[in-house]
């Protein structure tokens, strides 16, 4: 799994909303369908994508399956962003496009001013 899988999974607004909902507490597919006002098969498809990106996990309790948010996929995305940010900072330090300015020149006094 790569960070790209996570970005693709979260690119869909419905999946993002489901993921955000699952961060608060576990839900069943039926609960999520009622909350999101979409059909259960659609919720199941979205959860399959989120599970593939390791953003959600599921557990069985009897005949029900509860889904909850998982940090594994986000950790991969975080590592990617941190590496990219480290590269940007290193490039900036190596070739500062805006070196510190010297102090501004002293304004000239106008003739006749006291």
Foldseek 3Di string as FASTA:
>chain_A
DALVLVCVLCVDPLLVVVLVVQAVDWDFLVVSCVVSVHDSVVSVVSVVSCVVLVQWDWDDDVPTIIIHGGCVNVVRNVVVVVVVVVVVVVVCVVPPPDPDDDPDDDDDDDPPDD
